[in-house]
Amino acid sequence: MLKLATVVLLAFISSPGAAQEPQGQIAGIGAMSCQDAIKLIDTTAFKTQLFIWAAGFLSGANSGMLEGNLPTRTLRSVTVDTAAADTYAYCARHADEHIVDAIKQIYIDLPRAP
């Protein structure tokens, strides 16, 4: 069962965002479209909400990887400002996708933990 959960997590993280609406699979700010996020990304409240959601998502991704004895990512470099900047950069290139897709890409780009 644990291996199945790990495979599902890996498939989710590596799946392309494609312009599909995350219909019920993603809760909170992660389900917001990149188009909408771009409009709010400069506000302190939005950056804070984004960071809180991203930190939970990234930590959960690492937890799933740990359960499967797979390599995790180092999360130390993720801050309110870096999460907002990386999300903005991703969303500017992928306006039809969602915040969750930007955060998945952040996870993929993070260095592996030692």
PDB file of N, CA and C in Angstrom:
ATOM      1  N   MET A   1       0.820  -1.192   0.000  1.00  0.00           N
ATOM      2  CA  MET A   1       0.000   0.000   0.000  1.00  0.00           C
ATOM      3  C   MET A   1       0.864   1.255   0.000  1.00  0.00           C
ATOM      4  N   LEU A   2       1.947   1.226   0.788  1.00  0.00           N
ATOM      5  CA  LEU A   2       2.849   2.371   0.872  1.00  0.00           C
ATOM      6  C   LEU A   2       3.490   2.653  -0.483  1.00  0.00           C
ATOM      7  N   LYS A   3       3.883   1.604  -1.190  1.00  0.00           N
ATOM      8  CA  LYS A   3       4.498   1.802  -2.510  1.00  0.00           C
ATOM      9  C   LYS A   3       3.492   2.381  -3.492  1.00  0.00           C
ATOM     10  N   LEU A   4       2.251   1.966  -3.413  1.00  0.00           N
ATOM     11  CA  LEU A   4       1.210   2.506  -4.284  1.00  0.00           C
ATOM     12  C   LEU A   4       1.033   4.003  -4.019  1.00  0.00           C
ATOM     13  N   ALA A   5       1.004   4.401  -2.761  1.00  0.00           N
ATOM     14  CA  ALA A   5       0.858   5.818  -2.416  1.00  0.00           C
ATOM     15  C   ALA A   5       2.037   6.622  -2.939  1.00  0.00           C
ATOM     16  N   THR A   6       3.221   6.055  -2.864  1.00  0.00           N
ATOM     17  CA  THR A   6       4.410   6.745  -3.362  1.00  0.00           C
ATOM     18  C   THR A   6       4.343   6.908  -4.871  1.00  0.00           C
ATOM     19  N   VAL A   7       3.921   5.874  -5.577  1.00  0.00           N
ATOM     20  CA  VAL A   7       3.794   5.949  -7.034  1.00  0.00           C
ATOM     21  C   VAL A   7       2.768   7.005  -7.421  1.00  0.00           C
ATOM     22  N   VAL A   8       1.665   7.052  -6.705  1.00  0.00           N
ATOM     23  CA  VAL A   8       0.634   8.054  -6.988  1.00  0.00           C
ATOM     24  C   VAL A   8       1.183   9.456  -6.750  1.00  0.00           C
ATOM     25  N   LEU A   9       1.923   9.654  -5.659  1.00  0.00           N
ATOM     26  CA  LEU A   9       2.510  10.961  -5.366  1.00  0.00           C
ATOM     27  C   LEU A   9       3.494  11.357  -6.458  1.00  0.00           C
ATOM     28  N   LEU A  10       4.346  10.442  -6.858  1.00  0.00           N
ATOM     29  CA  LEU A  10       5.316  10.743  -7.919  1.00  0.00           C
ATOM     30  C   LEU A  10       4.623  11.087  -9.228  1.00  0.00           C
ATOM     31  N   ALA A  11       3.583  10.366  -9.568  1.00  0.00           N
ATOM     32  CA  ALA A  11       2.844  10.655 -10.790  1.00  0.00           C
ATOM     33  C   ALA A  11       2.209  12.030 -10.722  1.00  0.00           C
ATOM     34  N   PHE A  12       1.693  12.396  -9.564  1.00  0.00           N
ATOM     35  CA  PHE A  12       1.066  13.708  -9.399  1.00  0.00           C
ATOM     36  C   PHE A  12       2.093  14.815  -9.552  1.00  0.00           C
ATOM     37  N   ILE A  13       3.241  14.654  -8.900  1.00  0.00           N
ATOM     38  CA  ILE A  13       4.266  15.691  -8.942  1.00  0.00           C
ATOM     39  C   ILE A  13       4.828  15.840 -10.344  1.00  0.00           C
ATOM     40  N   SER A  14       4.997  14.745 -11.058  1.00  0.00           N
ATOM     41  CA  SER A  14       5.632  14.834 -12.367  1.00  0.00           C
ATOM     42  C   SER A  14       4.647  15.042 -13.509  1.00  0.00           C
ATOM     43  N   SER A  15       3.356  15.020 -13.244  1.00  0.00           N
ATOM     44  CA  SER A  15       2.388  15.185 -14.324  1.00  0.00           C
ATOM     45  C   SER A  15       2.355  16.620 -14.815  1.00  0.00           C
ATOM     46  N   PRO A  16       2.204  16.801 -16.125  1.00  0.00           N
ATOM     47  CA  PRO A  16       2.115  18.164 -16.635  1.00  0.00           C
ATOM     48  C   PRO A  16       0.842  18.826 -16.152  1.00  0.00           C
ATOM     49  N   GLY A  17       0.892  20.128 -15.974  1.00  0.00           N
ATOM     50  CA  GLY A  17      -0.260  20.865 -15.473  1.00  0.00           C
ATOM     51  C   GLY A  17      -1.401  20.898 -16.446  1.00  0.00           C
ATOM     52  N   ALA A  18      -1.118  20.898 -17.733  1.00  0.00           N
ATOM     53  CA  ALA A  18      -2.157  21.042 -18.749  1.00  0.00           C
ATOM     54  C   ALA A  18      -3.240  21.975 -18.252  1.00  0.00           C
ATOM     55  N   ALA A  19      -3.960  22.562 -19.052  1.00  0.00           N
ATOM     56  CA  ALA A  19      -4.895  23.603 -18.627  1.00  0.00           C
ATOM     57  C   ALA A  19      -6.173  23.038 -18.025  1.00  0.00           C
ATOM     58  N   GLN A  20      -6.080  21.951 -17.312  1.00  0.00           N
ATOM     59  CA  GLN A  20      -7.259  21.356 -16.697  1.00  0.00           C
ATOM     60  C   GLN A  20      -7.516  21.985 -15.342  1.00  0.00           C
ATOM     61  N   GLU A  21      -8.767  22.193 -15.057  1.00  0.00           N
ATOM     62  CA  GLU A  21      -9.173  22.703 -13.743  1.00  0.00           C
ATOM     63  C   GLU A  21      -8.974  21.591 -12.718  1.00  0.00           C
ATOM     64  N   PRO A  22      -8.290  21.872 -11.602  1.00  0.00           N
ATOM     65  CA  PRO A  22      -8.142  20.840 -10.576  1.00  0.00           C
ATOM     66  C   PRO A  22      -9.471  20.637  -9.850  1.00  0.00           C
ATOM     67  N   GLN A  23     -10.314  19.796 -10.390  1.00  0.00           N
ATOM     68  CA  GLN A  23     -11.698  19.643  -9.930  1.00  0.00           C
ATOM     69  C   GLN A  23     -11.791  18.810  -8.666  1.00  0.00           C
ATOM     70  N   GLY A  24     -11.595  19.478  -7.536  1.00  0.00           N
ATOM     71  CA  GLY A  24     -11.765  18.803  -6.268  1.00  0.00           C
ATOM     72  C   GLY A  24     -10.532  18.096  -5.751  1.00  0.00           C
ATOM     73  N   GLN A  25      -9.504  17.924  -6.569  1.00  0.00           N
ATOM     74  CA  GLN A  25      -8.307  17.240  -6.085  1.00  0.00           C
ATOM     75  C   GLN A  25      -7.403  18.188  -5.316  1.00  0.00           C
ATOM     76  N   ILE A  26      -7.486  19.463  -5.587  1.00  0.00           N
ATOM     77  CA  ILE A  26      -6.630  20.464  -4.959  1.00  0.00           C
ATOM     78  C   ILE A  26      -7.505  21.441  -4.187  1.00  0.00           C
ATOM     79  N   ALA A  27      -7.170  21.635  -2.932  1.00  0.00           N
ATOM     80  CA  ALA A  27      -7.938  22.566  -2.096  1.00  0.00           C
ATOM     81  C   ALA A  27      -7.142  23.847  -1.876  1.00  0.00           C
ATOM     82  N   GLY A  28      -7.850  24.900  -1.593  1.00  0.00           N
ATOM     83  CA  GLY A  28      -7.213  26.151  -1.228  1.00  0.00           C
ATOM     84  C   GLY A  28      -6.643  26.917  -2.408  1.00  0.00           C
ATOM     85  N   ILE A  29      -5.659  27.738  -2.111  1.00  0.00           N
ATOM     86  CA  ILE A  29      -5.093  28.654  -3.086  1.00  0.00           C
ATOM     87  C   ILE A  29      -4.421  27.929  -4.247  1.00  0.00           C
ATOM     88  N   GLY A  30      -4.020  26.691  -4.039  1.00  0.00           N
ATOM     89  CA  GLY A  30      -3.384  25.912  -5.106  1.00  0.00           C
ATOM     90  C   GLY A  30      -4.275  25.703  -6.310  1.00  0.00           C
ATOM     91  N   ALA A  31      -5.588  25.760  -6.115  1.00  0.00           N
ATOM     92  CA  ALA A  31      -6.525  25.571  -7.227  1.00  0.00           C
ATOM     93  C   ALA A  31      -6.739  26.852  -8.040  1.00  0.00           C
ATOM     94  N   MET A  32      -6.201  27.968  -7.571  1.00  0.00           N
ATOM     95  CA  MET A  32      -6.375  29.242  -8.285  1.00  0.00           C
ATOM     96  C   MET A  32      -5.626  29.226  -9.616  1.00  0.00           C
ATOM     97  N   SER A  33      -6.227  29.844 -10.607  1.00  0.00           N
ATOM     98  CA  SER A  33      -5.571  29.916 -11.915  1.00  0.00           C
ATOM     99  C   SER A  33      -4.373  30.847 -11.856  1.00  0.00           C
ATOM    100  N   CYS A  34      -3.411  30.592 -12.721  1.00  0.00           N
ATOM    101  CA  CYS A  34      -2.254  31.472 -12.822  1.00  0.00           C
ATOM    102  C   CYS A  34      -2.680  32.877 -13.244  1.00  0.00           C
ATOM    103  N   GLN A  35      -3.679  32.966 -14.109  1.00  0.00           N
ATOM    104  CA  GLN A  35      -4.155  34.287 -14.545  1.00  0.00           C
ATOM    105  C   GLN A  35      -4.611  35.115 -13.346  1.00  0.00           C
ATOM    106  N   ASP A  36      -5.356  34.506 -12.449  1.00  0.00           N
ATOM    107  CA  ASP A  36      -5.828  35.217 -11.261  1.00  0.00           C
ATOM    108  C   ASP A  36      -4.683  35.505 -10.289  1.00  0.00           C
ATOM    109  N   ALA A  37      -3.759  34.572 -10.164  1.00  0.00           N
ATOM    110  CA  ALA A  37      -2.636  34.747  -9.247  1.00  0.00           C
ATOM    111  C   ALA A  37      -1.766  35.928  -9.652  1.00  0.00           C
ATOM    112  N   ILE A  38      -1.530  36.080 -10.933  1.00  0.00           N
ATOM    113  CA  ILE A  38      -0.688  37.181 -11.435  1.00  0.00           C
ATOM    114  C   ILE A  38      -1.250  38.533 -10.978  1.00  0.00           C
ATOM    115  N   LYS A  39      -2.559  38.638 -10.911  1.00  0.00           N
ATOM    116  CA  LYS A  39      -3.195  39.903 -10.525  1.00  0.00           C
ATOM    117  C   LYS A  39      -2.980  40.228  -9.045  1.00  0.00           C
ATOM    118  N   LEU A  40      -2.747  39.211  -8.225  1.00  0.00           N
ATOM    119  CA  LEU A  40      -2.663  39.400  -6.772  1.00  0.00           C
ATOM    120  C   LEU A  40      -1.263  39.229  -6.192  1.00  0.00           C
ATOM    121  N   ILE A  41      -0.330  38.763  -6.987  1.00  0.00           N
ATOM    122  CA  ILE A  41       0.962  38.313  -6.485  1.00  0.00           C
ATOM    123  C   ILE A  41       1.754  39.383  -5.745  1.00  0.00           C
ATOM    124  N   ASP A  42       1.473  40.645  -5.997  1.00  0.00           N
ATOM    125  CA  ASP A  42       2.234  41.717  -5.341  1.00  0.00           C
ATOM    126  C   ASP A  42       1.687  42.109  -3.970  1.00  0.00           C
ATOM    127  N   THR A  43       0.585  41.535  -3.552  1.00  0.00           N
ATOM    128  CA  THR A  43       0.014  41.907  -2.260  1.00  0.00           C
ATOM    129  C   THR A  43       0.604  41.037  -1.146  1.00  0.00           C
ATOM    130  N   THR A  44       0.835  41.648  -0.012  1.00  0.00           N
ATOM    131  CA  THR A  44       1.411  40.934   1.127  1.00  0.00           C
ATOM    132  C   THR A  44       0.516  39.788   1.576  1.00  0.00           C
ATOM    133  N   ALA A  45      -0.784  40.027   1.624  1.00  0.00           N
ATOM    134  CA  ALA A  45      -1.715  38.976   2.072  1.00  0.00           C
ATOM    135  C   ALA A  45      -1.657  37.767   1.139  1.00  0.00           C
ATOM    136  N   PHE A  46      -1.627  38.009  -0.154  1.00  0.00           N
ATOM    137  CA  PHE A  46      -1.585  36.902  -1.100  1.00  0.00           C
ATOM    138  C   PHE A  46      -0.262  36.147  -0.986  1.00  0.00           C
ATOM    139  N   LYS A  47       0.847  36.873  -0.901  1.00  0.00           N
ATOM    140  CA  LYS A  47       2.156  36.224  -0.777  1.00  0.00           C
ATOM    141  C   LYS A  47       2.198  35.330   0.462  1.00  0.00           C
ATOM    142  N   THR A  48       1.627  35.816   1.555  1.00  0.00           N
ATOM    143  CA  THR A  48       1.621  35.043   2.798  1.00  0.00           C
ATOM    144  C   THR A  48       0.780  33.779   2.639  1.00  0.00           C
ATOM    145  N   GLN A  49      -0.405  33.917   2.066  1.00  0.00           N
ATOM    146  CA  GLN A  49      -1.268  32.748   1.840  1.00  0.00           C
ATOM    147  C   GLN A  49      -0.590  31.753   0.902  1.00  0.00           C
ATOM    148  N   LEU A  50       0.037  32.264  -0.139  1.00  0.00           N
ATOM    149  CA  LEU A  50       0.742  31.406  -1.093  1.00  0.00           C
ATOM    150  C   LEU A  50       1.845  30.626  -0.400  1.00  0.00           C
ATOM    151  N   PHE A  51       2.643  31.312   0.410  1.00  0.00           N
ATOM    152  CA  PHE A  51       3.738  30.651   1.102  1.00  0.00           C
ATOM    153  C   PHE A  51       3.226  29.568   2.048  1.00  0.00           C
ATOM    154  N   ILE A  52       2.189  29.880   2.809  1.00  0.00           N
ATOM    155  CA  ILE A  52       1.641  28.898   3.750  1.00  0.00           C
ATOM    156  C   ILE A  52       1.153  27.656   2.995  1.00  0.00           C
ATOM    157  N   TRP A  53       0.437  27.877   1.891  1.00  0.00           N
ATOM    158  CA  TRP A  53      -0.068  26.743   1.111  1.00  0.00           C
ATOM    159  C   TRP A  53       1.092  25.966   0.503  1.00  0.00           C
ATOM    160  N   ALA A  54       2.050  26.689  -0.082  1.00  0.00           N
ATOM    161  CA  ALA A  54       3.195  26.033  -0.726  1.00  0.00           C
ATOM    162  C   ALA A  54       4.019  25.239   0.286  1.00  0.00           C
ATOM    163  N   ALA A  55       4.243  25.812   1.467  1.00  0.00           N
ATOM    164  CA  ALA A  55       5.026  25.113   2.492  1.00  0.00           C
ATOM    165  C   ALA A  55       4.357  23.800   2.877  1.00  0.00           C
ATOM    166  N   GLY A  56       3.042  23.823   3.008  1.00  0.00           N
ATOM    167  CA  GLY A  56       2.316  22.590   3.320  1.00  0.00           C
ATOM    168  C   GLY A  56       2.397  21.577   2.199  1.00  0.00           C
ATOM    169  N   PHE A  57       2.234  22.054   0.959  1.00  0.00           N
ATOM    170  CA  PHE A  57       2.305  21.157  -0.197  1.00  0.00           C
ATOM    171  C   PHE A  57       3.696  20.541  -0.315  1.00  0.00           C
ATOM    172  N   LEU A  58       4.733  21.376  -0.213  1.00  0.00           N
ATOM    173  CA  LEU A  58       6.110  20.897  -0.358  1.00  0.00           C
ATOM    174  C   LEU A  58       6.477  19.935   0.768  1.00  0.00           C
ATOM    175  N   SER A  59       6.055  20.252   1.982  1.00  0.00           N
ATOM    176  CA  SER A  59       6.315  19.358   3.105  1.00  0.00           C
ATOM    177  C   SER A  59       5.588  18.028   2.930  1.00  0.00           C
ATOM    178  N   GLY A  60       4.356  18.098   2.436  1.00  0.00           N
ATOM    179  CA  GLY A  60       3.601  16.872   2.174  1.00  0.00           C
ATOM    180  C   GLY A  60       4.248  16.029   1.086  1.00  0.00           C
ATOM    181  N   ALA A  61       4.766  16.699   0.052  1.00  0.00           N
ATOM    182  CA  ALA A  61       5.463  15.965  -1.009  1.00  0.00           C
ATOM    183  C   ALA A  61       6.694  15.265  -0.431  1.00  0.00           C
ATOM    184  N   ASN A  62       7.447  15.978   0.397  1.00  0.00           N
ATOM    185  CA  ASN A  62       8.613  15.354   1.031  1.00  0.00           C
ATOM    186  C   ASN A  62       8.209  14.188   1.926  1.00  0.00           C
ATOM    187  N   SER A  63       7.121  14.348   2.651  1.00  0.00           N
ATOM    188  CA  SER A  63       6.650  13.286   3.535  1.00  0.00           C
ATOM    189  C   SER A  63       6.321  12.029   2.738  1.00  0.00           C
ATOM    190  N   GLY A  64       5.642  12.205   1.610  1.00  0.00           N
ATOM    191  CA  GLY A  64       5.328  11.063   0.756  1.00  0.00           C
ATOM    192  C   GLY A  64       6.578  10.388   0.218  1.00  0.00           C
ATOM    193  N   MET A  65       7.571  11.197  -0.123  1.00  0.00           N
ATOM    194  CA  MET A  65       8.826  10.638  -0.619  1.00  0.00           C
ATOM    195  C   MET A  65       9.541   9.863   0.492  1.00  0.00           C
ATOM    196  N   LEU A  66       9.538  10.413   1.707  1.00  0.00           N
ATOM    197  CA  LEU A  66      10.165   9.721   2.836  1.00  0.00           C
ATOM    198  C   LEU A  66       9.511   8.366   3.084  1.00  0.00           C
ATOM    199  N   GLU A  67       8.187   8.343   3.002  1.00  0.00           N
ATOM    200  CA  GLU A  67       7.455   7.090   3.222  1.00  0.00           C
ATOM    201  C   GLU A  67       7.861   6.021   2.219  1.00  0.00           C
ATOM    202  N   GLY A  68       8.205   6.448   1.019  1.00  0.00           N
ATOM    203  CA  GLY A  68       8.612   5.505  -0.018  1.00  0.00           C
ATOM    204  C   GLY A  68      10.112   5.308  -0.101  1.00  0.00           C
ATOM    205  N   ASN A  69      10.848   5.832   0.896  1.00  0.00           N
ATOM    206  CA  ASN A  69      12.312   5.753   0.891  1.00  0.00           C
ATOM    207  C   ASN A  69      12.914   6.325  -0.385  1.00  0.00           C
ATOM    208  N   LEU A  70      12.336   7.431  -0.845  1.00  0.00           N
ATOM    209  CA  LEU A  70      12.819   8.105  -2.048  1.00  0.00           C
ATOM    210  C   LEU A  70      13.473   9.424  -1.662  1.00  0.00           C
ATOM    211  N   PRO A  71      14.308   9.969  -2.549  1.00  0.00           N
ATOM    212  CA  PRO A  71      14.987  11.223  -2.219  1.00  0.00           C
ATOM    213  C   PRO A  71      14.005  12.374  -2.015  1.00  0.00           C
ATOM    214  N   THR A  72      14.279  13.185  -1.027  1.00  0.00           N
ATOM    215  CA  THR A  72      13.457  14.354  -0.736  1.00  0.00           C
ATOM    216  C   THR A  72      14.169  15.606  -1.243  1.00  0.00           C
ATOM    217  N   ARG A  73      13.534  16.748  -1.079  1.00  0.00           N
ATOM    218  CA  ARG A  73      14.106  18.030  -1.484  1.00  0.00           C
ATOM    219  C   ARG A  73      14.400  18.867  -0.241  1.00  0.00           C
ATOM    220  N   THR A  74      15.405  19.714  -0.329  1.00  0.00           N
ATOM    221  CA  THR A  74      15.714  20.659   0.731  1.00  0.00           C
ATOM    222  C   THR A  74      14.801  21.865   0.575  1.00  0.00           C
ATOM    223  N   LEU A  75      14.065  22.206   1.614  1.00  0.00           N
ATOM    224  CA  LEU A  75      13.073  23.281   1.549  1.00  0.00           C
ATOM    225  C   LEU A  75      13.566  24.605   2.138  1.00  0.00           C
ATOM    226  N   ARG A  76      14.790  24.643   2.645  1.00  0.00           N
ATOM    227  CA  ARG A  76      15.300  25.843   3.320  1.00  0.00           C
ATOM    228  C   ARG A  76      15.246  27.105   2.474  1.00  0.00           C
ATOM    229  N   SER A  77      15.402  26.974   1.174  1.00  0.00           N
ATOM    230  CA  SER A  77      15.466  28.160   0.309  1.00  0.00           C
ATOM    231  C   SER A  77      14.090  28.741  -0.016  1.00  0.00           C
ATOM    232  N   VAL A  78      13.032  28.039   0.361  1.00  0.00           N
ATOM    233  CA  VAL A  78      11.679  28.518   0.049  1.00  0.00           C
ATOM    234  C   VAL A  78      11.238  29.522   1.125  1.00  0.00           C
ATOM    235  N   THR A  79      11.036  30.754   0.696  1.00  0.00           N
ATOM    236  CA  THR A  79      10.597  31.821   1.588  1.00  0.00           C
ATOM    237  C   THR A  79       9.351  32.462   0.986  1.00  0.00           C
ATOM    238  N   VAL A  80       8.777  33.389   1.716  1.00  0.00           N
ATOM    239  CA  VAL A  80       7.622  34.113   1.180  1.00  0.00           C
ATOM    240  C   VAL A  80       7.985  34.742  -0.160  1.00  0.00           C
ATOM    241  N   ASP A  81       9.134  35.393  -0.208  1.00  0.00           N
ATOM    242  CA  ASP A  81       9.527  36.098  -1.433  1.00  0.00           C
ATOM    243  C   ASP A  81       9.911  35.162  -2.574  1.00  0.00           C
ATOM    244  N   THR A  82      10.644  34.083  -2.268  1.00  0.00           N
ATOM    245  CA  THR A  82      11.026  33.177  -3.359  1.00  0.00           C
ATOM    246  C   THR A  82       9.818  32.419  -3.900  1.00  0.00           C
ATOM    247  N   ALA A  83       8.910  32.035  -3.010  1.00  0.00           N
ATOM    248  CA  ALA A  83       7.699  31.341  -3.475  1.00  0.00           C
ATOM    249  C   ALA A  83       6.891  32.244  -4.399  1.00  0.00           C
ATOM    250  N   ALA A  84       6.755  33.523  -4.022  1.00  0.00           N
ATOM    251  CA  ALA A  84       6.007  34.469  -4.862  1.00  0.00           C
ATOM    252  C   ALA A  84       6.718  34.713  -6.189  1.00  0.00           C
ATOM    253  N   ALA A  85       8.030  34.918  -6.144  1.00  0.00           N
ATOM    254  CA  ALA A  85       8.783  35.192  -7.368  1.00  0.00           C
ATOM    255  C   ALA A  85       8.757  33.994  -8.319  1.00  0.00           C
ATOM    256  N   ASP A  86       8.963  32.807  -7.779  1.00  0.00           N
ATOM    257  CA  ASP A  86       8.959  31.604  -8.627  1.00  0.00           C
ATOM    258  C   ASP A  86       7.572  31.319  -9.183  1.00  0.00           C
ATOM    259  N   THR A  87       6.555  31.546  -8.371  1.00  0.00           N
ATOM    260  CA  THR A  87       5.181  31.355  -8.845  1.00  0.00           C
ATOM    261  C   THR A  87       4.854  32.363  -9.937  1.00  0.00           C
ATOM    262  N   TYR A  88       5.251  33.610  -9.741  1.00  0.00           N
ATOM    263  CA  TYR A  88       5.019  34.643 -10.755  1.00  0.00           C
ATOM    264  C   TYR A  88       5.713  34.263 -12.065  1.00  0.00           C
ATOM    265  N   ALA A  89       6.974  33.864 -11.979  1.00  0.00           N
ATOM    266  CA  ALA A  89       7.728  33.501 -13.186  1.00  0.00           C
ATOM    267  C   ALA A  89       7.053  32.339 -13.923  1.00  0.00           C
ATOM    268  N   TYR A  90       6.622  31.333 -13.173  1.00  0.00           N
ATOM    269  CA  TYR A  90       5.956  30.180 -13.781  1.00  0.00           C
ATOM    270  C   TYR A  90       4.633  30.602 -14.409  1.00  0.00           C
ATOM    271  N   CYS A  91       3.843  31.340 -13.659  1.00  0.00           N
ATOM    272  CA  CYS A  91       2.511  31.721 -14.132  1.00  0.00           C
ATOM    273  C   CYS A  91       2.576  32.682 -15.320  1.00  0.00           C
ATOM    274  N   ALA A  92       3.605  33.500 -15.394  1.00  0.00           N
ATOM    275  CA  ALA A  92       3.766  34.401 -16.542  1.00  0.00           C
ATOM    276  C   ALA A  92       3.984  33.595 -17.826  1.00  0.00           C
ATOM    277  N   ARG A  93       4.592  32.439 -17.701  1.00  0.00           N
ATOM    278  CA  ARG A  93       4.843  31.573 -18.867  1.00  0.00           C
ATOM    279  C   ARG A  93       3.705  30.580 -19.120  1.00  0.00           C
ATOM    280  N   HIS A  94       2.881  30.328 -18.104  1.00  0.00           N
ATOM    281  CA  HIS A  94       1.839  29.291 -18.187  1.00  0.00           C
ATOM    282  C   HIS A  94       0.516  29.831 -17.634  1.00  0.00           C
ATOM    283  N   ALA A  95      -0.015  30.847 -18.245  1.00  0.00           N
ATOM    284  CA  ALA A  95      -1.206  31.539 -17.728  1.00  0.00           C
ATOM    285  C   ALA A  95      -2.435  30.639 -17.615  1.00  0.00           C
ATOM    286  N   ASP A  96      -2.497  29.567 -18.388  1.00  0.00           N
ATOM    287  CA  ASP A  96      -3.665  28.690 -18.363  1.00  0.00           C
ATOM    288  C   ASP A  96      -3.565  27.595 -17.304  1.00  0.00           C
ATOM    289  N   GLU A  97      -2.488  27.576 -16.556  1.00  0.00           N
ATOM    290  CA  GLU A  97      -2.324  26.553 -15.528  1.00  0.00           C
ATOM    291  C   GLU A  97      -2.727  27.121 -14.166  1.00  0.00           C
ATOM    292  N   HIS A  98      -2.370  26.416 -13.110  1.00  0.00           N
ATOM    293  CA  HIS A  98      -2.813  26.760 -11.761  1.00  0.00           C
ATOM    294  C   HIS A  98      -1.626  26.872 -10.817  1.00  0.00           C
ATOM    295  N   ILE A  99      -1.866  27.476  -9.676  1.00  0.00           N
ATOM    296  CA  ILE A  99      -0.795  27.638  -8.695  1.00  0.00           C
ATOM    297  C   ILE A  99      -0.174  26.295  -8.334  1.00  0.00           C
ATOM    298  N   VAL A 100      -0.961  25.265  -8.191  1.00  0.00           N
ATOM    299  CA  VAL A 100      -0.410  23.951  -7.848  1.00  0.00           C
ATOM    300  C   VAL A 100       0.648  23.528  -8.861  1.00  0.00           C
ATOM    301  N   ASP A 101       0.463  23.859 -10.127  1.00  0.00           N
ATOM    302  CA  ASP A 101       1.441  23.493 -11.146  1.00  0.00           C
ATOM    303  C   ASP A 101       2.754  24.252 -10.928  1.00  0.00           C
ATOM    304  N   ALA A 102       2.642  25.511 -10.534  1.00  0.00           N
ATOM    305  CA  ALA A 102       3.834  26.307 -10.241  1.00  0.00           C
ATOM    306  C   ALA A 102       4.578  25.724  -9.037  1.00  0.00           C
ATOM    307  N   ILE A 103       3.840  25.337  -8.021  1.00  0.00           N
ATOM    308  CA  ILE A 103       4.471  24.800  -6.810  1.00  0.00           C
ATOM    309  C   ILE A 103       5.083  23.431  -7.086  1.00  0.00           C
ATOM    310  N   LYS A 104       4.446  22.630  -7.920  1.00  0.00           N
ATOM    311  CA  LYS A 104       5.053  21.346  -8.313  1.00  0.00           C
ATOM    312  C   LYS A 104       6.383  21.591  -9.006  1.00  0.00           C
ATOM    313  N   GLN A 105       6.446  22.601  -9.856  1.00  0.00           N
ATOM    314  CA  GLN A 105       7.697  22.906 -10.551  1.00  0.00           C
ATOM    315  C   GLN A 105       8.760  23.398  -9.572  1.00  0.00           C
ATOM    316  N   ILE A 106       8.348  24.194  -8.600  1.00  0.00           N
ATOM    317  CA  ILE A 106       9.288  24.618  -7.555  1.00  0.00           C
ATOM    318  C   ILE A 106       9.877  23.390  -6.866  1.00  0.00           C
ATOM    319  N   TYR A 107       9.027  22.421  -6.537  1.00  0.00           N
ATOM    320  CA  TYR A 107       9.495  21.206  -5.870  1.00  0.00           C
ATOM    321  C   TYR A 107      10.512  20.473  -6.735  1.00  0.00           C
ATOM    322  N   ILE A 108      10.204  20.315  -7.993  1.00  0.00           N
ATOM    323  CA  ILE A 108      11.103  19.609  -8.910  1.00  0.00           C
ATOM    324  C   ILE A 108      12.452  20.313  -9.004  1.00  0.00           C
ATOM    325  N   ASP A 109      12.437  21.643  -8.987  1.00  0.00           N
ATOM    326  CA  ASP A 109      13.656  22.435  -9.149  1.00  0.00           C
ATOM    327  C   ASP A 109      14.496  22.542  -7.876  1.00  0.00           C
ATOM    328  N   LEU A 110      13.936  22.209  -6.722  1.00  0.00           N
ATOM    329  CA  LEU A 110      14.694  22.305  -5.477  1.00  0.00           C
ATOM    330  C   LEU A 110      15.810  21.264  -5.439  1.00  0.00           C
ATOM    331  N   PRO A 111      16.894  21.586  -4.753  1.00  0.00           N
ATOM    332  CA  PRO A 111      17.991  20.591  -4.637  1.00  0.00           C
ATOM    333  C   PRO A 111      17.558  19.418  -3.773  1.00  0.00           C
ATOM    334  N   ARG A 112      18.110  18.276  -4.112  1.00  0.00           N
ATOM    335  CA  ARG A 112      17.837  17.084  -3.299  1.00  0.00           C
ATOM    336  C   ARG A 112      18.464  17.244  -1.921  1.00  0.00           C
ATOM    337  N   ALA A 113      17.762  16.719  -0.936  1.00  0.00           N
ATOM    338  CA  ALA A 113      18.289  16.752   0.431  1.00  0.00           C
ATOM    339  C   ALA A 113      19.432  15.767   0.542  1.00  0.00           C
ATOM    340  N   PRO A 114      20.414  16.101   1.391  1.00  0.00           N
ATOM    341  CA  PRO A 114      21.571  15.175   1.562  1.00  0.00           C
ATOM    342  C   PRO A 114      21.154  13.884   2.226  1.00  0.00           C
TER     343      PRO A 114
END
